[in-house]
Amino acid sequence: MFDHVTLRVSDLEASRRLYDAALEPLDLGAPSVGEHGVEWGDLSISLAREDGALTRRAHVAFAARSPEQVAAFWRAATEAGFRDNGPPGLRPEYHERYYGAFVLDPDGNNIEAVHHGREPSHGDFDHVAIRVADNAESKRFYATVLEPLGFGLVHEEGEYVGLGIPGNSLWLVEGEPSANVHIAFAASDNATVDEFHRVALAAGYRDNGPPGERPVYHAGYYGAFVLDPDGNNVEAVCHNRD
């Protein structure tokens, strides 16, 4: 499943204030603030320090425990200054009990809270969606590199490709590609991180950091990084914590 997603933002303090307000109703707890950015549960934001490094066209959906929590998220977000991108309500085009609400963050990324009529059970995210230049090419990439992590293809229809499991899925949608999204997937051990990286490079994909300890994050953090066909940073990580 997802370990974390990082969005690079144009104004760290402004985005922090807005995310603080929007995410408070989802009970993710107080944010963790460090030299690399700000983190709420599985979502983190960091400052885009270079031209062209801003995250664009990402979609992150948080799992909510009830329709009321979805509505509280939307109300808090819009009152804090997020732009409305779809008020709370049923979306039967997805399924009959899909109850969601959508807002745009200051950099235009689509942030959602969704309740499926059941208690969420797979972490903070319900799903993450990115736009890709070529669905077939991106499907091959993600199916290849995520296979060692047990994150397989679950749905394919028209322009949509889904990987993962219900309530914890990655979606690919063909269109103007998302930019500068960092998606990290949880690995059960260091050997799985190694295999993720080996499989990716054997298939011809681009290395963005070989397997190894990253103590700059915390002791025991063991990760590896590759780039997807559109240049987004994809990671497998084992935290080696009891």
Protein backbone atom coordinates (compact mmCIF):
# COMPACT_ATOMS: atom_id res chain seq x y z
CA MET A 1 0.00 0.00 0.00
CA PHE A 2 0.97 3.65 -0.08
CA ASP A 3 3.62 4.78 2.37
CA HIS A 4 3.43 8.48 1.58
CA VAL A 5 2.82 11.05 -1.16
CA THR A 6 4.71 14.33 -1.38
CA LEU A 7 3.48 17.42 -3.19
CA ARG A 8 5.88 20.26 -3.96
CA VAL A 9 4.22 23.61 -3.31
CA SER A 10 4.94 27.21 -4.27
CA ASP A 11 4.38 28.69 -0.79
CA LEU A 12 5.04 26.30 2.08
CA GLU A 13 3.57 28.39 4.88
CA ALA A 14 0.42 29.33 2.98
CA SER A 15 -0.16 25.72 1.94
CA ARG A 16 0.47 24.52 5.47
CA ARG A 17 -2.17 26.85 6.89
CA LEU A 18 -4.73 25.67 4.37
CA TYR A 19 -3.95 21.96 4.73
CA ASP A 20 -4.03 22.29 8.51
CA ALA A 21 -7.60 23.55 8.31
CA ALA A 22 -8.79 21.20 5.56
CA LEU A 23 -7.41 18.00 7.06
CA GLU A 24 -8.34 18.65 10.70
CA PRO A 25 -11.84 17.11 10.29
CA LEU A 26 -10.25 13.90 8.95
CA ASP A 27 -8.48 13.28 12.28
CA LEU A 28 -5.00 12.83 10.82
CA GLY A 29 -3.46 14.37 13.92
CA ALA A 30 -1.12 17.29 14.36
CA PRO A 31 1.33 17.80 11.51
CA SER A 32 4.96 16.81 11.79
CA VAL A 33 7.25 19.68 10.81
CA GLY A 34 10.84 19.05 9.73
CA GLU A 35 13.55 20.45 7.54
CA HIS A 36 12.10 18.62 4.53
CA GLY A 37 8.55 19.96 4.87
CA VAL A 38 5.29 19.31 6.69
CA GLU A 39 3.53 15.95 7.01
CA TRP A 40 -0.02 14.97 7.95
CA GLY A 41 -0.29 11.20 8.18
CA ASP A 42 0.69 9.87 4.74
CA LEU A 43 0.65 13.27 2.98
CA SER A 44 3.60 15.62 3.01
CA ILE A 45 4.28 18.94 1.33
CA SER A 46 7.65 20.50 0.63
CA LEU A 47 8.76 23.72 -0.99
CA ALA A 48 9.44 23.64 -4.73
CA ARG A 49 12.90 25.20 -4.63
CA GLU A 50 13.57 25.28 -8.37
CA ASP A 51 11.69 26.54 -11.40
CA GLY A 52 9.59 23.76 -12.85
CA ALA A 53 9.64 21.68 -9.66
CA LEU A 54 6.07 22.47 -8.61
CA THR A 55 3.62 19.56 -8.35
CA ARG A 56 0.84 19.90 -10.90
CA ARG A 57 -2.31 17.97 -11.77
CA ALA A 58 -2.14 15.46 -8.92
CA HIS A 59 -5.24 14.01 -7.29
CA VAL A 60 -5.13 12.75 -3.70
CA ALA A 61 -8.25 11.27 -2.09
CA PHE A 62 -8.44 10.74 1.65
CA ALA A 63 -10.53 7.99 3.20
CA ALA A 64 -13.36 9.38 5.37
CA ARG A 65 -15.32 7.45 7.98
CA SER A 66 -18.71 8.98 7.16
CA PRO A 67 -20.51 11.36 4.81
CA GLU A 68 -20.54 13.87 7.65
CA GLN A 69 -16.74 13.78 7.79
CA VAL A 70 -16.60 14.37 4.04
CA ALA A 71 -18.85 17.40 4.41
CA ALA A 72 -16.79 18.73 7.33
CA PHE A 73 -13.62 18.40 5.24
CA TRP A 74 -15.15 20.35 2.35
CA ARG A 75 -16.57 23.04 4.61
CA ALA A 76 -13.29 23.54 6.49
CA ALA A 77 -11.27 23.55 3.27
CA THR A 78 -13.44 26.08 1.42
CA GLU A 79 -13.72 28.34 4.46
CA ALA A 80 -9.92 28.30 4.76
CA GLY A 81 -9.44 29.32 1.12
CA PHE A 82 -9.26 26.13 -0.93
CA ARG A 83 -11.26 26.44 -4.16
CA ASP A 84 -14.38 24.33 -4.45
CA ASN A 85 -14.04 21.61 -7.09
CA GLY A 86 -17.20 19.63 -6.27
CA PRO A 87 -19.40 19.91 -3.16
CA PRO A 88 -20.24 16.97 -0.90
CA GLY A 89 -22.60 14.48 -2.46
CA LEU A 90 -23.14 11.07 -3.95
CA ARG A 91 -21.24 10.23 -7.14
CA PRO A 92 -23.21 7.24 -8.46
CA GLU A 93 -21.16 7.23 -11.66
CA TYR A 94 -18.43 5.61 -9.52
CA HIS A 95 -20.75 3.43 -7.41
CA GLU A 96 -24.04 3.88 -5.59
CA ARG A 97 -22.51 4.64 -2.18
CA TYR A 98 -19.59 6.81 -3.32
CA TYR A 99 -19.89 10.05 -1.30
CA GLY A 100 -17.17 12.58 -2.03
CA ALA A 101 -16.15 16.22 -2.03
CA PHE A 102 -13.35 17.94 -3.92
CA VAL A 103 -11.26 21.08 -3.50
CA LEU A 104 -8.24 22.56 -5.27
CA ASP A 105 -5.14 23.41 -3.29
CA PRO A 106 -3.26 26.70 -3.93
CA ASP A 107 -1.29 25.07 -6.76
CA GLY A 108 -4.32 23.51 -8.44
CA ASN A 109 -4.00 19.93 -7.21
CA ASN A 110 -7.31 18.13 -6.66
CA ILE A 111 -7.81 17.05 -3.04
CA GLU A 112 -10.75 14.83 -2.12
CA ALA A 113 -12.37 13.18 0.86
CA VAL A 114 -14.47 10.11 0.08
CA HIS A 115 -16.64 7.65 1.97
CA HIS A 116 -17.71 4.36 0.39
CA GLY A 117 -20.36 3.36 2.91
CA ARG A 118 -17.92 1.28 4.92
CA GLU A 119 -15.17 1.81 7.49
CA PRO A 120 -11.86 2.56 5.73
CA SER A 121 -9.15 0.04 6.52
CA HIS A 122 -6.07 0.74 4.41
CA GLY A 123 -4.44 3.92 5.70
CA ASP A 124 -5.06 7.61 5.14
CA PHE A 125 -5.45 7.52 1.35
CA ASP A 126 -8.35 6.00 -0.48
CA HIS A 127 -6.73 6.55 -3.85
CA VAL A 128 -4.19 8.65 -5.72
CA ALA A 129 -4.60 9.57 -9.38
CA ILE A 130 -2.09 11.00 -11.82
CA ARG A 131 -2.44 12.06 -15.43
CA VAL A 132 -0.05 10.39 -17.86
CA ALA A 133 1.02 11.10 -21.43
CA ASP A 134 0.61 7.48 -22.55
CA ASN A 135 -1.62 5.13 -20.60
CA ALA A 136 -0.19 1.96 -22.13
CA GLU A 137 3.39 3.00 -21.40
CA SER A 138 2.61 4.08 -17.84
CA LYS A 139 0.59 0.93 -17.21
CA ARG A 140 3.61 -1.16 -18.22
CA PHE A 141 5.86 0.85 -15.93
CA TYR A 142 3.67 0.68 -12.83
CA ALA A 143 2.67 -2.96 -13.34
CA THR A 144 6.36 -3.84 -13.65
CA VAL A 145 7.84 -1.91 -10.75
CA LEU A 146 4.96 -2.50 -8.32
CA GLU A 147 4.72 -6.25 -8.91
CA PRO A 148 7.38 -7.01 -6.24
CA LEU A 149 5.29 -4.96 -3.80
CA GLY A 150 2.08 -6.89 -4.54
CA PHE A 151 0.41 -3.81 -6.05
CA GLY A 152 -1.19 -5.29 -9.18
CA LEU A 153 -3.58 -4.23 -11.93
CA VAL A 154 -7.20 -4.20 -10.75
CA HIS A 155 -9.17 -2.25 -13.34
CA GLU A 156 -8.88 -1.06 -16.90
CA GLU A 157 -11.65 0.75 -18.74
CA GLY A 158 -11.32 3.39 -21.42
CA GLU A 159 -8.89 6.06 -20.28
CA TYR A 160 -8.67 4.72 -16.71
CA VAL A 161 -6.16 2.19 -15.37
CA GLY A 162 -6.25 1.19 -11.69
CA LEU A 163 -3.65 -0.66 -9.64
CA GLY A 164 -3.82 -1.80 -6.03
CA ILE A 165 -6.85 -2.84 -4.03
CA PRO A 166 -10.22 -1.19 -3.36
CA GLY A 167 -9.67 1.55 -0.83
CA ASN A 168 -5.94 1.78 -1.57
CA SER A 169 -5.39 2.28 -5.30
CA LEU A 170 -3.36 4.21 -7.84
CA TRP A 171 -5.19 5.45 -10.94
CA LEU A 172 -3.69 6.48 -14.27
CA VAL A 173 -5.67 8.80 -16.54
CA GLU A 174 -4.42 9.79 -19.97
CA GLY A 175 -4.05 13.53 -20.46
CA GLU A 176 -1.64 16.37 -19.81
CA PRO A 177 0.80 14.63 -17.44
CA SER A 178 0.98 15.30 -13.74
CA ALA A 179 4.32 16.82 -12.80
CA ASN A 180 6.70 16.44 -9.87
CA VAL A 181 4.61 14.02 -7.84
CA HIS A 182 6.43 11.78 -5.38
CA ILE A 183 4.65 8.50 -4.57
CA ALA A 184 6.20 6.09 -2.07
CA PHE A 185 4.99 2.52 -1.64
CA ALA A 186 5.53 0.45 1.48
CA ALA A 187 7.87 -2.55 1.28
CA SER A 188 7.86 -5.33 3.87
CA ASP A 189 11.65 -5.60 4.03
CA ASN A 190 14.87 -4.30 2.50
CA ALA A 191 15.04 -7.19 0.02
CA THR A 192 11.72 -6.10 -1.47
CA VAL A 193 13.10 -2.58 -1.94
CA ASP A 194 16.12 -4.09 -3.70
CA GLU A 195 13.86 -6.15 -5.98
CA PHE A 196 11.69 -3.12 -6.84
CA HIS A 197 14.78 -1.26 -7.98
CA ARG A 198 16.33 -4.25 -9.79
CA VAL A 199 13.15 -4.99 -11.74
CA ALA A 200 12.73 -1.34 -12.75
CA LEU A 201 16.26 -0.99 -14.09
CA ALA A 202 16.15 -4.38 -15.81
CA ALA A 203 13.07 -3.18 -17.70
CA GLY A 204 14.95 -0.07 -18.85
CA TYR A 205 13.44 2.49 -16.49
CA ARG A 206 15.40 5.39 -15.04
CA ASP A 207 17.20 5.20 -11.70
CA ASN A 208 16.64 8.11 -9.31
CA GLY A 209 18.43 6.72 -6.26
CA PRO A 210 19.72 3.18 -5.61
CA PRO A 211 18.63 1.05 -2.64
CA GLY A 212 20.18 2.14 0.63
CA GLU A 213 19.78 3.70 4.04
CA ARG A 214 18.54 7.29 4.15
CA PRO A 215 19.31 8.31 7.76
CA VAL A 216 18.51 11.91 6.84
CA TYR A 217 14.86 10.83 7.23
CA HIS A 218 15.27 8.49 10.21
CA ALA A 219 17.40 5.59 11.39
CA GLY A 220 16.45 2.43 9.47
CA TYR A 221 14.86 4.24 6.51
CA TYR A 222 15.75 2.04 3.52
CA GLY A 223 14.53 3.25 0.15
CA ALA A 224 15.06 3.20 -3.59
CA PHE A 225 13.78 5.56 -6.27
CA VAL A 226 12.97 5.38 -9.99
CA LEU A 227 11.31 7.78 -12.41
CA ASP A 228 8.07 6.97 -14.18
CA PRO A 229 7.70 7.73 -17.92
CA ASP A 230 6.55 11.29 -17.16
CA GLY A 231 9.38 11.98 -14.69
CA ASN A 232 7.48 11.50 -11.42
CA ASN A 233 9.51 10.07 -8.54
CA VAL A 234 8.39 6.59 -7.44
CA GLU A 235 9.82 5.03 -4.28
CA ALA A 236 9.76 1.76 -2.41
CA VAL A 237 10.59 2.12 1.28
CA CYS A 238 10.99 -0.06 4.34
CA HIS A 239 11.16 1.81 7.64
CA ASN A 240 12.69 -1.05 9.66
CA ARG A 241 10.72 -0.14 12.76
CA ASP A 242 9.32 -2.65 15.23
